[in-house]
Every structure is written in structure tokens, then in C-alpha cells.
Amino acid sequence: MYNEKIYLTPQEILDKEFKIDARGYRPQEVDKFLDMIIHDYTEFITTIKKQEKEIQALTDDNVNLKNEIRRLRSNIEAAEGSSSGSNKYVNNVDLLRRLSQLEKVVFGKNE
């Protein structure tokens, strides 16, 4: 089984054989089996929708974080380009602040 909510595997559906009465298949057995199939398909649809929403949220977060990284890299490059001997300590402090902000953006979302 895939998980405890899903009763059947595709192979189990394929291999299922119903006992034949004098009048044909037992309706209760067929109905019970079809109810399990309906439950599985409902569960699959719910799982797929949930995962699609999660994928979209993660994709949006990824795009936002990539944009933030690009912005911070350009700020770092600009700071490195304008750095001189006396301003180097100030620029390092600025870089550390920017890196700290990036860490908050990247890791702070999970808290």
C-alpha cells in the first residue's frame, strides 16, 4: 500500500476477480470494491491538489529568494567597487548586515 489512506494498488485492481453466482457477480462484493476505488481516486485528487498548491508556493518563494540574492549580490559588487582603504571596515560591516538580512529572509520563513 502507498499509505494507510489508500486501499488499493493498480495491480490489486487489475488482479481483482469477483466470484460468480448462479445469477452473475455478487452485487455487494462489486459495490464494496467500487467504493474502495472511489475512495482511492478521491484521495489521489486531494493529494494532487495539495501538492500542486505546495509546488506553486515553493516556486514563488524560490523566485523571491533568487531576486533577493541578485539584489544583494549587486549591492555587494557596488560596495566592493567603491571600497577604499579607510572605508574597508565600514564596508565589511555593511556586508555583514546584508548577509544577516539575507539569512533572515532565507531561514526566517521556516520559523
N, C-alpha and C. Protein backbone atom coordinates (compact mmCIF):
# COMPACT_ATOMS: atom_id res chain seq x y z
N MET A 1 0.83 -1.18 0.00
CA MET A 1 0.00 0.00 0.00
C MET A 1 0.88 1.25 0.00
N TYR A 2 0.39 2.34 -0.60
CA TYR A 2 1.14 3.59 -0.67
C TYR A 2 1.12 4.33 0.66
N ASN A 3 -0.01 4.33 1.31
CA ASN A 3 -0.11 4.84 2.68
C ASN A 3 -1.39 4.29 3.29
N GLU A 4 -1.65 4.61 4.55
CA GLU A 4 -2.78 3.98 5.21
C GLU A 4 -4.14 4.46 4.71
N LYS A 5 -4.20 5.57 3.97
CA LYS A 5 -5.47 6.06 3.47
C LYS A 5 -5.87 5.41 2.15
N ILE A 6 -4.95 4.82 1.45
CA ILE A 6 -5.22 4.25 0.13
C ILE A 6 -5.28 2.74 0.24
N TYR A 7 -6.40 2.18 -0.17
CA TYR A 7 -6.64 0.75 0.00
C TYR A 7 -6.01 -0.11 -1.10
N LEU A 8 -6.00 0.36 -2.32
CA LEU A 8 -5.65 -0.49 -3.46
C LEU A 8 -4.44 0.01 -4.22
N THR A 9 -3.71 -0.94 -4.78
CA THR A 9 -2.66 -0.62 -5.74
C THR A 9 -3.22 -0.89 -7.13
N PRO A 10 -2.62 -0.32 -8.16
CA PRO A 10 -3.11 -0.61 -9.51
C PRO A 10 -3.10 -2.11 -9.82
N GLN A 11 -2.09 -2.82 -9.31
CA GLN A 11 -2.01 -4.26 -9.55
C GLN A 11 -3.17 -4.99 -8.88
N GLU A 12 -3.56 -4.58 -7.68
CA GLU A 12 -4.69 -5.20 -7.00
C GLU A 12 -6.00 -4.99 -7.77
N ILE A 13 -6.15 -3.82 -8.35
CA ILE A 13 -7.35 -3.56 -9.17
C ILE A 13 -7.33 -4.48 -10.38
N LEU A 14 -6.17 -4.59 -11.01
CA LEU A 14 -6.05 -5.43 -12.20
C LEU A 14 -6.30 -6.90 -11.88
N ASP A 15 -5.82 -7.36 -10.74
CA ASP A 15 -5.92 -8.77 -10.39
C ASP A 15 -7.25 -9.16 -9.74
N LYS A 16 -8.09 -8.20 -9.42
CA LYS A 16 -9.34 -8.50 -8.71
C LYS A 16 -10.26 -9.37 -9.57
N GLU A 17 -10.71 -10.48 -8.98
CA GLU A 17 -11.66 -11.36 -9.64
C GLU A 17 -12.86 -11.52 -8.72
N PHE A 18 -14.05 -11.35 -9.26
CA PHE A 18 -15.28 -11.48 -8.50
C PHE A 18 -15.80 -12.90 -8.65
N LYS A 19 -16.37 -13.42 -7.56
CA LYS A 19 -16.96 -14.76 -7.61
C LYS A 19 -18.30 -14.67 -8.33
N ILE A 20 -18.57 -15.66 -9.14
CA ILE A 20 -19.79 -15.66 -9.93
C ILE A 20 -20.83 -16.54 -9.26
N ASP A 21 -22.00 -15.97 -9.02
CA ASP A 21 -23.15 -16.72 -8.51
C ASP A 21 -23.88 -17.34 -9.70
N ALA A 22 -24.95 -18.03 -9.38
CA ALA A 22 -25.79 -18.58 -10.44
C ALA A 22 -26.39 -17.46 -11.28
N ARG A 23 -26.57 -16.29 -10.65
CA ARG A 23 -27.17 -15.16 -11.36
C ARG A 23 -26.13 -14.13 -11.79
N GLY A 24 -24.85 -14.38 -11.62
CA GLY A 24 -23.81 -13.43 -12.00
C GLY A 24 -22.95 -13.04 -10.81
N TYR A 25 -22.33 -11.88 -10.87
CA TYR A 25 -21.48 -11.39 -9.78
C TYR A 25 -22.32 -11.04 -8.57
N ARG A 26 -21.70 -11.12 -7.40
CA ARG A 26 -22.38 -10.72 -6.16
C ARG A 26 -22.38 -9.19 -6.08
N PRO A 27 -23.54 -8.59 -6.11
CA PRO A 27 -23.61 -7.13 -6.13
C PRO A 27 -22.94 -6.46 -4.92
N GLN A 28 -23.06 -7.07 -3.73
CA GLN A 28 -22.45 -6.48 -2.55
C GLN A 28 -20.93 -6.44 -2.67
N GLU A 29 -20.36 -7.50 -3.22
CA GLU A 29 -18.90 -7.57 -3.39
C GLU A 29 -18.42 -6.53 -4.41
N VAL A 30 -19.17 -6.41 -5.48
CA VAL A 30 -18.81 -5.43 -6.51
C VAL A 30 -18.94 -4.02 -5.96
N ASP A 31 -20.03 -3.74 -5.23
CA ASP A 31 -20.23 -2.41 -4.66
C ASP A 31 -19.13 -2.05 -3.66
N LYS A 32 -18.75 -2.99 -2.84
CA LYS A 32 -17.70 -2.75 -1.84
C LYS A 32 -16.37 -2.42 -2.55
N PHE A 33 -16.07 -3.17 -3.59
CA PHE A 33 -14.84 -2.94 -4.34
C PHE A 33 -14.87 -1.57 -5.02
N LEU A 34 -15.99 -1.22 -5.61
CA LEU A 34 -16.10 0.08 -6.28
C LEU A 34 -16.04 1.23 -5.28
N ASP A 35 -16.56 1.04 -4.08
CA ASP A 35 -16.45 2.06 -3.04
C ASP A 35 -14.99 2.31 -2.67
N MET A 36 -14.20 1.25 -2.60
CA MET A 36 -12.78 1.40 -2.30
C MET A 36 -12.07 2.15 -3.43
N ILE A 37 -12.43 1.86 -4.67
CA ILE A 37 -11.83 2.56 -5.82
C ILE A 37 -12.19 4.04 -5.78
N ILE A 38 -13.44 4.34 -5.50
CA ILE A 38 -13.87 5.74 -5.42
C ILE A 38 -13.11 6.46 -4.31
N HIS A 39 -12.96 5.81 -3.17
CA HIS A 39 -12.21 6.42 -2.07
C HIS A 39 -10.78 6.72 -2.50
N ASP A 40 -10.14 5.77 -3.17
CA ASP A 40 -8.76 5.96 -3.61
C ASP A 40 -8.64 7.13 -4.59
N TYR A 41 -9.52 7.19 -5.56
CA TYR A 41 -9.45 8.28 -6.53
C TYR A 41 -9.70 9.63 -5.86
N THR A 42 -10.61 9.67 -4.92
CA THR A 42 -10.84 10.91 -4.17
C THR A 42 -9.58 11.31 -3.41
N GLU A 43 -8.95 10.35 -2.79
CA GLU A 43 -7.72 10.62 -2.04
C GLU A 43 -6.60 11.08 -2.99
N PHE A 44 -6.49 10.47 -4.15
CA PHE A 44 -5.47 10.88 -5.13
C PHE A 44 -5.70 12.32 -5.57
N ILE A 45 -6.94 12.66 -5.86
CA ILE A 45 -7.25 14.02 -6.31
C ILE A 45 -6.91 15.03 -5.22
N THR A 46 -7.26 14.73 -3.98
CA THR A 46 -6.94 15.62 -2.87
C THR A 46 -5.44 15.78 -2.71
N THR A 47 -4.71 14.69 -2.80
CA THR A 47 -3.25 14.74 -2.67
C THR A 47 -2.63 15.55 -3.80
N ILE A 48 -3.10 15.35 -5.00
CA ILE A 48 -2.55 16.07 -6.15
C ILE A 48 -2.80 17.57 -6.01
N LYS A 49 -4.01 17.96 -5.62
CA LYS A 49 -4.31 19.39 -5.45
C LYS A 49 -3.44 20.01 -4.37
N LYS A 50 -3.25 19.29 -3.27
CA LYS A 50 -2.43 19.79 -2.17
C LYS A 50 -0.98 19.97 -2.63
N GLN A 51 -0.47 19.01 -3.38
CA GLN A 51 0.91 19.10 -3.85
C GLN A 51 1.09 20.20 -4.89
N GLU A 52 0.08 20.42 -5.73
CA GLU A 52 0.16 21.49 -6.71
C GLU A 52 0.23 22.85 -6.02
N LYS A 53 -0.55 23.03 -4.96
CA LYS A 53 -0.50 24.29 -4.20
C LYS A 53 0.86 24.46 -3.55
N GLU A 54 1.39 23.37 -2.99
CA GLU A 54 2.71 23.44 -2.35
C GLU A 54 3.80 23.76 -3.37
N ILE A 55 3.71 23.16 -4.54
CA ILE A 55 4.69 23.44 -5.61
C ILE A 55 4.64 24.91 -5.99
N GLN A 56 3.43 25.46 -6.14
CA GLN A 56 3.29 26.86 -6.51
C GLN A 56 3.87 27.78 -5.43
N ALA A 57 3.60 27.47 -4.17
CA ALA A 57 4.14 28.28 -3.08
C ALA A 57 5.66 28.22 -3.05
N LEU A 58 6.21 27.03 -3.23
CA LEU A 58 7.66 26.89 -3.23
C LEU A 58 8.30 27.57 -4.44
N THR A 59 7.63 27.52 -5.57
CA THR A 59 8.14 28.21 -6.76
C THR A 59 8.15 29.72 -6.54
N ASP A 60 7.08 30.24 -5.95
CA ASP A 60 7.04 31.67 -5.65
C ASP A 60 8.14 32.07 -4.68
N ASP A 61 8.32 31.28 -3.62
CA ASP A 61 9.39 31.56 -2.67
C ASP A 61 10.76 31.51 -3.34
N ASN A 62 10.95 30.56 -4.22
CA ASN A 62 12.22 30.41 -4.93
C ASN A 62 12.50 31.65 -5.78
N VAL A 63 11.50 32.12 -6.49
CA VAL A 63 11.67 33.31 -7.33
C VAL A 63 12.02 34.52 -6.47
N ASN A 64 11.29 34.68 -5.36
CA ASN A 64 11.55 35.81 -4.46
C ASN A 64 12.96 35.75 -3.89
N LEU A 65 13.38 34.58 -3.47
CA LEU A 65 14.72 34.44 -2.90
C LEU A 65 15.81 34.67 -3.95
N LYS A 66 15.59 34.21 -5.16
CA LYS A 66 16.57 34.46 -6.23
C LYS A 66 16.69 35.96 -6.51
N ASN A 67 15.56 36.66 -6.51
CA ASN A 67 15.60 38.11 -6.72
C ASN A 67 16.34 38.80 -5.58
N GLU A 68 16.10 38.35 -4.35
CA GLU A 68 16.79 38.92 -3.19
C GLU A 68 18.29 38.67 -3.28
N ILE A 69 18.69 37.48 -3.70
CA ILE A 69 20.11 37.17 -3.86
C ILE A 69 20.74 38.06 -4.92
N ARG A 70 20.05 38.23 -6.05
CA ARG A 70 20.58 39.11 -7.11
C ARG A 70 20.76 40.53 -6.60
N ARG A 71 19.76 41.02 -5.85
CA ARG A 71 19.84 42.38 -5.32
C ARG A 71 21.01 42.51 -4.35
N LEU A 72 21.17 41.54 -3.47
CA LEU A 72 22.26 41.60 -2.51
C LEU A 72 23.63 41.46 -3.18
N ARG A 73 23.69 40.62 -4.20
CA ARG A 73 24.97 40.49 -4.93
C ARG A 73 25.34 41.81 -5.61
N SER A 74 24.35 42.46 -6.21
CA SER A 74 24.65 43.73 -6.86
C SER A 74 25.06 44.78 -5.83
N ASN A 75 24.44 44.76 -4.64
CA ASN A 75 24.85 45.67 -3.57
C ASN A 75 26.28 45.38 -3.12
N ILE A 76 26.61 44.11 -3.01
CA ILE A 76 27.97 43.73 -2.60
C ILE A 76 28.97 44.15 -3.66
N GLU A 77 28.64 43.92 -4.93
CA GLU A 77 29.55 44.32 -6.01
C GLU A 77 29.74 45.84 -6.02
N ALA A 78 28.66 46.56 -5.79
CA ALA A 78 28.77 48.02 -5.75
C ALA A 78 29.62 48.46 -4.56
N ALA A 79 29.45 47.79 -3.43
CA ALA A 79 30.25 48.14 -2.25
C ALA A 79 31.71 47.80 -2.46
N GLU A 80 31.98 46.68 -3.12
CA GLU A 80 33.37 46.30 -3.38
C GLU A 80 34.02 47.25 -4.38
N GLY A 81 33.25 47.72 -5.34
CA GLY A 81 33.79 48.64 -6.34
C GLY A 81 34.14 49.99 -5.76
N SER A 82 33.43 50.41 -4.74
CA SER A 82 33.68 51.72 -4.15
C SER A 82 34.50 51.67 -2.88
N SER A 83 35.00 50.49 -2.54
CA SER A 83 35.75 50.38 -1.28
C SER A 83 37.14 50.98 -1.42
N SER A 84 37.57 51.62 -0.35
CA SER A 84 38.94 52.14 -0.28
C SER A 84 39.53 51.70 1.04
N GLY A 85 40.78 52.00 1.28
CA GLY A 85 41.46 51.54 2.48
C GLY A 85 40.80 52.00 3.77
N SER A 86 40.39 53.26 3.87
CA SER A 86 39.81 53.76 5.12
C SER A 86 38.36 53.33 5.29
N ASN A 87 37.66 53.08 4.20
CA ASN A 87 36.24 52.69 4.29
C ASN A 87 36.05 51.18 4.31
N LYS A 88 37.13 50.43 4.28
CA LYS A 88 37.01 48.98 4.19
C LYS A 88 36.31 48.40 5.41
N TYR A 89 36.59 48.90 6.61
CA TYR A 89 35.93 48.39 7.82
C TYR A 89 34.43 48.67 7.76
N VAL A 90 34.04 49.84 7.34
CA VAL A 90 32.62 50.18 7.24
C VAL A 90 31.94 49.29 6.20
N ASN A 91 32.60 49.06 5.09
CA ASN A 91 32.01 48.22 4.05
C ASN A 91 31.85 46.78 4.53
N ASN A 92 32.81 46.28 5.31
CA ASN A 92 32.68 44.91 5.84
C ASN A 92 31.50 44.81 6.79
N VAL A 93 31.29 45.84 7.59
CA VAL A 93 30.15 45.85 8.50
C VAL A 93 28.85 45.86 7.68
N ASP A 94 28.82 46.67 6.64
CA ASP A 94 27.64 46.71 5.78
C ASP A 94 27.39 45.36 5.12
N LEU A 95 28.45 44.72 4.68
CA LEU A 95 28.31 43.40 4.06
C LEU A 95 27.77 42.38 5.05
N LEU A 96 28.27 42.43 6.28
CA LEU A 96 27.78 41.50 7.31
C LEU A 96 26.31 41.75 7.60
N ARG A 97 25.90 43.00 7.65
CA ARG A 97 24.48 43.31 7.85
C ARG A 97 23.62 42.77 6.71
N ARG A 98 24.09 42.97 5.52
CA ARG A 98 23.34 42.48 4.35
C ARG A 98 23.23 40.96 4.35
N LEU A 99 24.34 40.30 4.69
CA LEU A 99 24.31 38.84 4.78
C LEU A 99 23.37 38.38 5.87
N SER A 100 23.36 39.09 6.98
CA SER A 100 22.45 38.76 8.08
C SER A 100 20.99 38.90 7.62
N GLN A 101 20.71 39.96 6.87
CA GLN A 101 19.35 40.15 6.35
C GLN A 101 18.96 39.02 5.39
N LEU A 102 19.90 38.61 4.56
CA LEU A 102 19.64 37.52 3.64
C LEU A 102 19.36 36.23 4.39
N GLU A 103 20.12 35.96 5.43
CA GLU A 103 19.88 34.76 6.24
C GLU A 103 18.50 34.80 6.88
N LYS A 104 18.09 35.97 7.33
CA LYS A 104 16.75 36.09 7.91
C LYS A 104 15.68 35.80 6.87
N VAL A 105 15.89 36.28 5.65
CA VAL A 105 14.92 36.04 4.59
C VAL A 105 14.88 34.56 4.23
N VAL A 106 16.06 33.96 4.10
CA VAL A 106 16.13 32.57 3.68
C VAL A 106 15.68 31.62 4.78
N PHE A 107 16.19 31.79 5.98
CA PHE A 107 15.93 30.85 7.05
C PHE A 107 14.80 31.28 7.97
N GLY A 108 14.46 32.55 7.97
CA GLY A 108 13.44 33.05 8.87
C GLY A 108 12.04 32.63 8.48
N LYS A 109 11.81 32.25 7.23
CA LYS A 109 10.48 31.83 6.77
C LYS A 109 10.02 30.55 7.45
N ASN A 110 10.95 29.68 7.84
CA ASN A 110 10.59 28.40 8.44
C ASN A 110 10.27 28.51 9.92
N GLU A 111 10.61 29.61 10.53
CA GLU A 111 10.41 29.72 11.98
C GLU A 111 9.02 30.19 12.30
